[in-house]
């Protein structure tokens, strides 16, 4: 009995603690409280489903961009941004599994469409030089950060103390997206001919995708 109790204790501790990348022991906390009713569950499921799909799509877009830019001077910068998106996706994969939220049914489409979009936009942007690539980055990252800001506002107007962990995750990711947008602006994204048109087209597509993902 004593041995079984020790094994159970080790298992509980392994679930409660993990090693960070720096080797420091950190406490693992759930990102969401259990939903109180079906309405709250539907709201959170929809929110998480969109965020997961958005980060998945962003990963595929960056994969498409790297297929074109991996051996160019732009490659390391795009790879840095892609690595951030990989960490974002990993976190949302964890949250969806933890709370048994199904991903969007459109994920297989997102896989192909995201990669193709990243590759096609990058080839077009390359015709406009380095700044063209950055203009695409600004449009996408600005759309994602605006979406995260909207979610932050929704949670803050509801019960911020109830959603502390989720708010922390979304705020952190929102800041990352804003930094990537600012990086694009610092690299003269706005100097590209037709910048406003290109940005508008991309952002309309992003908003349409969010609308669809909230429902499927």
C-alpha atoms as a PDB file:
ATOM      1  CA  UNK A   1       0.000   0.000   0.000  1.00  0.00           C
ATOM      2  CA  UNK A   2       2.795   2.400   0.925  1.00  0.00           C
ATOM      3  CA  UNK A   3       4.575   1.703  -2.363  1.00  0.00           C
ATOM      4  CA  UNK A   4       1.365   2.274  -4.340  1.00  0.00           C
ATOM      5  CA  UNK A   5       0.821   5.551  -2.523  1.00  0.00           C
ATOM      6  CA  UNK A   6       4.334   6.697  -3.438  1.00  0.00           C
ATOM      7  CA  UNK A   7       3.757   5.810  -7.102  1.00  0.00           C
ATOM      8  CA  UNK A   8       0.485   7.751  -7.131  1.00  0.00           C
ATOM      9  CA  UNK A   9       2.233  10.732  -5.563  1.00  0.00           C
ATOM     10  CA  UNK A  10       4.963  10.668  -8.220  1.00  0.00           C
ATOM     11  CA  UNK A  11       2.315  10.520 -10.954  1.00  0.00           C
ATOM     12  CA  UNK A  12       0.436  13.482  -9.492  1.00  0.00           C
ATOM     13  CA  UNK A  13       3.646  15.483  -9.193  1.00  0.00           C
ATOM     14  CA  UNK A  14       4.647  14.645 -12.784  1.00  0.00           C
ATOM     15  CA  UNK A  15       1.321  16.049 -13.941  1.00  0.00           C
ATOM     16  CA  UNK A  16       1.651  19.164 -11.810  1.00  0.00           C
ATOM     17  CA  UNK A  17       5.277  20.046 -12.624  1.00  0.00           C
ATOM     18  CA  UNK A  18       7.544  20.000 -15.658  1.00  0.00           C
ATOM     19  CA  UNK A  19      10.965  21.276 -16.683  1.00  0.00           C
ATOM     20  CA  UNK A  20      11.119  24.482 -18.697  1.00  0.00           C
ATOM     21  CA  UNK A  21      13.582  24.796 -21.585  1.00  0.00           C
ATOM     22  CA  UNK A  22      16.026  26.510 -19.229  1.00  0.00           C
ATOM     23  CA  UNK A  23      15.847  23.534 -16.854  1.00  0.00           C
ATOM     24  CA  UNK A  24      13.784  25.343 -14.216  1.00  0.00           C
ATOM     25  CA  UNK A  25      10.895  23.483 -12.605  1.00  0.00           C
ATOM     26  CA  UNK A  26       7.624  25.247 -13.364  1.00  0.00           C
ATOM     27  CA  UNK A  27       4.089  24.607 -12.166  1.00  0.00           C
ATOM     28  CA  UNK A  28       1.646  23.401 -14.829  1.00  0.00           C
ATOM     29  CA  UNK A  29      -1.744  25.101 -14.606  1.00  0.00           C
ATOM     30  CA  UNK A  30      -4.853  24.535 -16.650  1.00  0.00           C
ATOM     31  CA  UNK A  31      -5.556  27.333 -19.113  1.00  0.00           C
ATOM     32  CA  UNK A  32      -9.326  27.179 -18.591  1.00  0.00           C
ATOM     33  CA  UNK A  33     -11.732  26.470 -15.750  1.00  0.00           C
ATOM     34  CA  UNK A  34     -14.411  23.805 -16.326  1.00  0.00           C
ATOM     35  CA  UNK A  35     -17.317  25.396 -18.235  1.00  0.00           C
ATOM     36  CA  UNK A  36     -20.326  26.214 -16.065  1.00  0.00           C
ATOM     37  CA  UNK A  37     -22.919  25.595 -18.757  1.00  0.00           C
ATOM     38  CA  UNK A  38     -23.372  24.761 -22.440  1.00  0.00           C
ATOM     39  CA  UNK A  39     -23.346  28.431 -23.449  1.00  0.00           C
ATOM     40  CA  UNK A  40     -19.932  29.060 -21.908  1.00  0.00           C
ATOM     41  CA  UNK A  41     -18.568  25.821 -23.364  1.00  0.00           C
ATOM     42  CA  UNK A  42     -19.791  26.771 -26.853  1.00  0.00           C
ATOM     43  CA  UNK A  43     -18.193  30.214 -26.544  1.00  0.00           C
ATOM     44  CA  UNK A  44     -14.831  28.882 -25.395  1.00  0.00           C
ATOM     45  CA  UNK A  45     -14.828  25.985 -27.871  1.00  0.00           C
ATOM     46  CA  UNK A  46     -15.437  28.400 -30.758  1.00  0.00           C
ATOM     47  CA  UNK A  47     -12.737  30.775 -29.507  1.00  0.00           C
ATOM     48  CA  UNK A  48     -10.116  28.058 -29.090  1.00  0.00           C
ATOM     49  CA  UNK A  49     -11.021  26.386 -32.378  1.00  0.00           C
ATOM     50  CA  UNK A  50     -10.443  29.637 -34.279  1.00  0.00           C
ATOM     51  CA  UNK A  51      -7.175  30.355 -32.468  1.00  0.00           C
ATOM     52  CA  UNK A  52      -5.851  26.859 -33.130  1.00  0.00           C
ATOM     53  CA  UNK A  53      -6.833  27.010 -36.798  1.00  0.00           C
ATOM     54  CA  UNK A  54      -5.322  30.478 -37.119  1.00  0.00           C
ATOM     55  CA  UNK A  55      -1.987  29.364 -35.720  1.00  0.00           C
ATOM     56  CA  UNK A  56      -2.107  26.203 -37.835  1.00  0.00           C
ATOM     57  CA  UNK A  57      -2.781  28.283 -40.942  1.00  0.00           C
ATOM     58  CA  UNK A  58      -0.002  30.721 -40.047  1.00  0.00           C
ATOM     59  CA  UNK A  59       2.408  27.795 -39.713  1.00  0.00           C
ATOM     60  CA  UNK A  60       1.464  26.528 -43.158  1.00  0.00           C
ATOM     61  CA  UNK A  61       1.790  30.030 -44.662  1.00  0.00           C
ATOM     62  CA  UNK A  62       5.294  30.382 -43.234  1.00  0.00           C
ATOM     63  CA  UNK A  63       6.124  26.892 -44.523  1.00  0.00           C
ATOM     64  CA  UNK A  64       5.081  28.044 -47.996  1.00  0.00           C
ATOM     65  CA  UNK A  65       7.168  31.179 -47.663  1.00  0.00           C
ATOM     66  CA  UNK A  66      10.225  29.228 -46.551  1.00  0.00           C
ATOM     67  CA  UNK A  67       9.860  26.923 -49.543  1.00  0.00           C
ATOM     68  CA  UNK A  68      10.652  30.006 -51.632  1.00  0.00           C
ATOM     69  CA  UNK A  69      12.886  32.039 -49.325  1.00  0.00           C
ATOM     70  CA  UNK A  70      14.931  29.466 -47.393  1.00  0.00           C
ATOM     71  CA  UNK A  71      18.150  30.275 -49.271  1.00  0.00           C
ATOM     72  CA  UNK A  72      17.670  34.024 -49.496  1.00  0.00           C
ATOM     73  CA  UNK A  73      18.681  36.810 -47.118  1.00  0.00           C
ATOM     74  CA  UNK A  74      15.057  36.968 -45.978  1.00  0.00           C
ATOM     75  CA  UNK A  75      15.069  33.319 -44.890  1.00  0.00           C
ATOM     76  CA  UNK A  76      16.449  33.715 -41.333  1.00  0.00           C
ATOM     77  CA  UNK A  77      13.918  36.427 -40.467  1.00  0.00           C
ATOM     78  CA  UNK A  78      10.976  34.401 -41.791  1.00  0.00           C
ATOM     79  CA  UNK A  79      12.301  31.322 -39.962  1.00  0.00           C
ATOM     80  CA  UNK A  80      12.412  33.298 -36.706  1.00  0.00           C
ATOM     81  CA  UNK A  81       8.755  34.321 -37.114  1.00  0.00           C
ATOM     82  CA  UNK A  82       7.806  30.771 -38.084  1.00  0.00           C
ATOM     83  CA  UNK A  83       9.443  29.395 -34.936  1.00  0.00           C
ATOM     84  CA  UNK A  84       7.214  31.683 -32.875  1.00  0.00           C
ATOM     85  CA  UNK A  85       4.125  30.396 -34.654  1.00  0.00           C
ATOM     86  CA  UNK A  86       5.235  26.817 -34.003  1.00  0.00           C
ATOM     87  CA  UNK A  87       5.296  27.522 -30.259  1.00  0.00           C
ATOM     88  CA  UNK A  88       1.861  29.157 -30.473  1.00  0.00           C
ATOM     89  CA  UNK A  89       0.436  26.130 -32.278  1.00  0.00           C
ATOM     90  CA  UNK A  90       2.012  23.743 -29.788  1.00  0.00           C
ATOM     91  CA  UNK A  91       0.297  25.590 -26.939  1.00  0.00           C
ATOM     92  CA  UNK A  92      -3.117  25.533 -28.596  1.00  0.00           C
ATOM     93  CA  UNK A  93      -2.697  21.833 -29.404  1.00  0.00           C
ATOM     94  CA  UNK A  94      -2.127  21.323 -25.692  1.00  0.00           C
ATOM     95  CA  UNK A  95      -5.187  23.398 -24.698  1.00  0.00           C
ATOM     96  CA  UNK A  96      -7.500  21.667 -27.180  1.00  0.00           C
ATOM     97  CA  UNK A  97      -6.421  18.250 -25.929  1.00  0.00           C
ATOM     98  CA  UNK A  98      -6.676  19.297 -22.301  1.00  0.00           C
ATOM     99  CA  UNK A  99     -10.251  20.532 -22.684  1.00  0.00           C
ATOM    100  CA  UNK A 100     -11.391  18.050 -25.353  1.00  0.00           C
ATOM    101  CA  UNK A 101     -12.150  20.693 -27.974  1.00  0.00           C
ATOM    102  CA  UNK A 102     -12.259  19.340 -31.510  1.00  0.00           C
ATOM    103  CA  UNK A 103     -10.267  21.275 -34.118  1.00  0.00           C
ATOM    104  CA  UNK A 104     -12.023  22.740 -37.130  1.00  0.00           C
ATOM    105  CA  UNK A 105     -13.237  20.273 -39.740  1.00  0.00           C
ATOM    106  CA  UNK A 106     -11.449  22.425 -42.311  1.00  0.00           C
ATOM    107  CA  UNK A 107      -7.967  21.578 -41.010  1.00  0.00           C
ATOM    108  CA  UNK A 108      -7.043  19.401 -44.045  1.00  0.00           C
ATOM    109  CA  UNK A 109      -8.039  22.284 -46.324  1.00  0.00           C
ATOM    110  CA  UNK A 110      -6.058  24.715 -44.178  1.00  0.00           C
ATOM    111  CA  UNK A 111      -3.015  22.479 -44.569  1.00  0.00           C
ATOM    112  CA  UNK A 112      -3.009  22.739 -48.353  1.00  0.00           C
ATOM    113  CA  UNK A 113      -4.449  26.244 -48.718  1.00  0.00           C
ATOM    114  CA  UNK A 114      -2.089  27.786 -46.151  1.00  0.00           C
ATOM    115  CA  UNK A 115       1.029  26.379 -47.802  1.00  0.00           C
ATOM    116  CA  UNK A 116      -0.163  27.351 -51.288  1.00  0.00           C
ATOM    117  CA  UNK A 117      -1.114  30.847 -50.124  1.00  0.00           C
ATOM    118  CA  UNK A 118       2.279  31.356 -48.497  1.00  0.00           C
ATOM    119  CA  UNK A 119       4.134  30.193 -51.587  1.00  0.00           C
ATOM    120  CA  UNK A 120       2.000  32.152 -54.092  1.00  0.00           C
ATOM    121  CA  UNK A 121       2.024  35.404 -52.090  1.00  0.00           C
ATOM    122  CA  UNK A 122       5.769  35.119 -51.588  1.00  0.00           C
ATOM    123  CA  UNK A 123       6.453  34.571 -55.305  1.00  0.00           C
ATOM    124  CA  UNK A 124       4.323  37.623 -56.126  1.00  0.00           C
ATOM    125  CA  UNK A 125       5.981  39.618 -53.362  1.00  0.00           C
ATOM    126  CA  UNK A 126       9.452  38.657 -54.589  1.00  0.00           C
ATOM    127  CA  UNK A 127       8.664  40.486 -57.806  1.00  0.00           C
ATOM    128  CA  UNK A 128       8.303  43.587 -55.630  1.00  0.00           C
ATOM    129  CA  UNK A 129      11.627  42.908 -53.821  1.00  0.00           C
ATOM    130  CA  UNK A 130      12.227  42.183 -50.130  1.00  0.00           C
ATOM    131  CA  UNK A 131       9.664  44.767 -48.969  1.00  0.00           C
ATOM    132  CA  UNK A 132       6.928  42.865 -50.772  1.00  0.00           C
ATOM    133  CA  UNK A 133       7.451  39.842 -48.549  1.00  0.00           C
ATOM    134  CA  UNK A 134       7.238  42.067 -45.478  1.00  0.00           C
ATOM    135  CA  UNK A 135       3.977  43.625 -46.670  1.00  0.00           C
ATOM    136  CA  UNK A 136       2.349  40.171 -46.585  1.00  0.00           C
ATOM    137  CA  UNK A 137       3.723  39.621 -43.091  1.00  0.00           C
ATOM    138  CA  UNK A 138       2.295  42.939 -41.881  1.00  0.00           C
ATOM    139  CA  UNK A 139      -1.169  42.185 -43.286  1.00  0.00           C
ATOM    140  CA  UNK A 140      -1.390  38.695 -41.761  1.00  0.00           C
ATOM    141  CA  UNK A 141       0.126  39.538 -38.381  1.00  0.00           C
ATOM    142  CA  UNK A 142      -2.031  42.663 -38.014  1.00  0.00           C
ATOM    143  CA  UNK A 143      -5.163  40.614 -38.711  1.00  0.00           C
ATOM    144  CA  UNK A 144      -4.212  38.012 -36.101  1.00  0.00           C
ATOM    145  CA  UNK A 145      -3.320  40.619 -33.461  1.00  0.00           C
ATOM    146  CA  UNK A 146      -6.638  42.419 -34.019  1.00  0.00           C
ATOM    147  CA  UNK A 147      -8.462  39.124 -33.608  1.00  0.00           C
ATOM    148  CA  UNK A 148      -6.602  38.391 -30.366  1.00  0.00           C
ATOM    149  CA  UNK A 149      -7.398  41.904 -29.108  1.00  0.00           C
ATOM    150  CA  UNK A 150     -11.078  41.250 -29.763  1.00  0.00           C
ATOM    151  CA  UNK A 151     -10.909  38.039 -27.732  1.00  0.00           C
ATOM    152  CA  UNK A 152      -9.089  39.795 -24.901  1.00  0.00           C
ATOM    153  CA  UNK A 153     -11.832  42.414 -24.791  1.00  0.00           C
ATOM    154  CA  UNK A 154     -14.527  39.708 -24.732  1.00  0.00           C
ATOM    155  CA  UNK A 155     -12.891  37.866 -21.834  1.00  0.00           C
ATOM    156  CA  UNK A 156     -12.194  41.076 -19.919  1.00  0.00           C
ATOM    157  CA  UNK A 157     -15.837  42.116 -20.224  1.00  0.00           C
ATOM    158  CA  UNK A 158     -16.960  38.680 -19.006  1.00  0.00           C
ATOM    159  CA  UNK A 159     -14.958  37.510 -15.989  1.00  0.00           C
ATOM    160  CA  UNK A 160     -11.232  38.311 -16.283  1.00  0.00           C
ATOM    161  CA  UNK A 161     -10.444  36.630 -12.950  1.00  0.00           C
ATOM    162  CA  UNK A 162     -12.041  33.419 -14.251  1.00  0.00           C
ATOM    163  CA  UNK A 163      -9.987  33.382 -17.448  1.00  0.00           C
ATOM    164  CA  UNK A 164      -6.641  34.533 -16.029  1.00  0.00           C
ATOM    165  CA  UNK A 165      -4.535  31.770 -17.591  1.00  0.00           C
ATOM    166  CA  UNK A 166      -6.173  31.976 -21.020  1.00  0.00           C
ATOM    167  CA  UNK A 167      -5.865  35.767 -21.024  1.00  0.00           C
ATOM    168  CA  UNK A 168      -2.171  35.449 -20.257  1.00  0.00           C
ATOM    169  CA  UNK A 169      -1.651  33.085 -23.195  1.00  0.00           C
ATOM    170  CA  UNK A 170      -3.615  35.233 -25.657  1.00  0.00           C
ATOM    171  CA  UNK A 171      -1.945  38.471 -24.532  1.00  0.00           C
ATOM    172  CA  UNK A 172       1.507  36.927 -24.924  1.00  0.00           C
ATOM    173  CA  UNK A 173       0.726  35.624 -28.399  1.00  0.00           C
ATOM    174  CA  UNK A 174      -0.882  38.939 -29.374  1.00  0.00           C
ATOM    175  CA  UNK A 175       2.317  40.750 -28.391  1.00  0.00           C
ATOM    176  CA  UNK A 176       4.337  38.344 -30.553  1.00  0.00           C
ATOM    177  CA  UNK A 177       2.103  39.048 -33.559  1.00  0.00           C
ATOM    178  CA  UNK A 178       2.436  42.808 -33.027  1.00  0.00           C
ATOM    179  CA  UNK A 179       6.227  42.512 -32.870  1.00  0.00           C
ATOM    180  CA  UNK A 180       6.254  40.628 -36.174  1.00  0.00           C
ATOM    181  CA  UNK A 181       4.001  43.287 -37.712  1.00  0.00           C
ATOM    182  CA  UNK A 182       6.328  46.020 -36.447  1.00  0.00           C
ATOM    183  CA  UNK A 183       9.312  44.152 -37.880  1.00  0.00           C
ATOM    184  CA  UNK A 184       7.642  44.189 -41.276  1.00  0.00           C
ATOM    185  CA  UNK A 185       6.963  47.918 -41.002  1.00  0.00           C
ATOM    186  CA  UNK A 186      10.572  48.548 -39.980  1.00  0.00           C
ATOM    187  CA  UNK A 187      11.624  46.823 -43.220  1.00  0.00           C
ATOM    188  CA  UNK A 188       9.645  49.309 -45.335  1.00  0.00           C
ATOM    189  CA  UNK A 189       6.621  47.117 -46.045  1.00  0.00           C
ATOM    190  CA  UNK A 190       4.540  50.245 -46.690  1.00  0.00           C
ATOM    191  CA  UNK A 191       6.841  51.345 -49.510  1.00  0.00           C
ATOM    192  CA  UNK A 192       5.645  48.534 -51.798  1.00  0.00           C
ATOM    193  CA  UNK A 193       3.568  49.713 -54.812  1.00  0.00           C
ATOM    194  CA  UNK A 194      -0.068  48.807 -54.173  1.00  0.00           C
ATOM    195  CA  UNK A 195       0.618  48.124 -50.485  1.00  0.00           C
ATOM    196  CA  UNK A 196      -2.824  49.223 -49.281  1.00  0.00           C
ATOM    197  CA  UNK A 197      -4.594  47.129 -51.905  1.00  0.00           C
ATOM    198  CA  UNK A 198      -2.497  44.047 -51.135  1.00  0.00           C
ATOM    199  CA  UNK A 199      -3.004  44.517 -47.398  1.00  0.00           C
ATOM    200  CA  UNK A 200      -6.764  44.970 -47.785  1.00  0.00           C
ATOM    201  CA  UNK A 201      -7.157  41.837 -49.913  1.00  0.00           C
ATOM    202  CA  UNK A 202      -5.190  39.692 -47.467  1.00  0.00           C
ATOM    203  CA  UNK A 203      -7.041  41.037 -44.428  1.00  0.00           C
ATOM    204  CA  UNK A 204     -10.458  40.544 -46.008  1.00  0.00           C
ATOM    205  CA  UNK A 205      -9.469  36.924 -46.620  1.00  0.00           C
ATOM    206  CA  UNK A 206      -8.349  36.592 -42.984  1.00  0.00           C
ATOM    207  CA  UNK A 207     -11.638  37.979 -41.651  1.00  0.00           C
ATOM    208  CA  UNK A 208     -13.629  35.665 -43.913  1.00  0.00           C
ATOM    209  CA  UNK A 209     -11.600  32.705 -42.656  1.00  0.00           C
ATOM    210  CA  UNK A 210     -12.251  33.659 -39.018  1.00  0.00           C
ATOM    211  CA  UNK A 211     -15.980  33.955 -39.702  1.00  0.00           C
ATOM    212  CA  UNK A 212     -16.093  30.487 -41.268  1.00  0.00           C
ATOM    213  CA  UNK A 213     -13.925  28.863 -38.586  1.00  0.00           C
ATOM    214  CA  UNK A 214     -16.167  30.111 -35.796  1.00  0.00           C
ATOM    215  CA  UNK A 215     -18.958  28.001 -37.274  1.00  0.00           C
ATOM    216  CA  UNK A 216     -17.299  24.813 -38.542  1.00  0.00           C
END
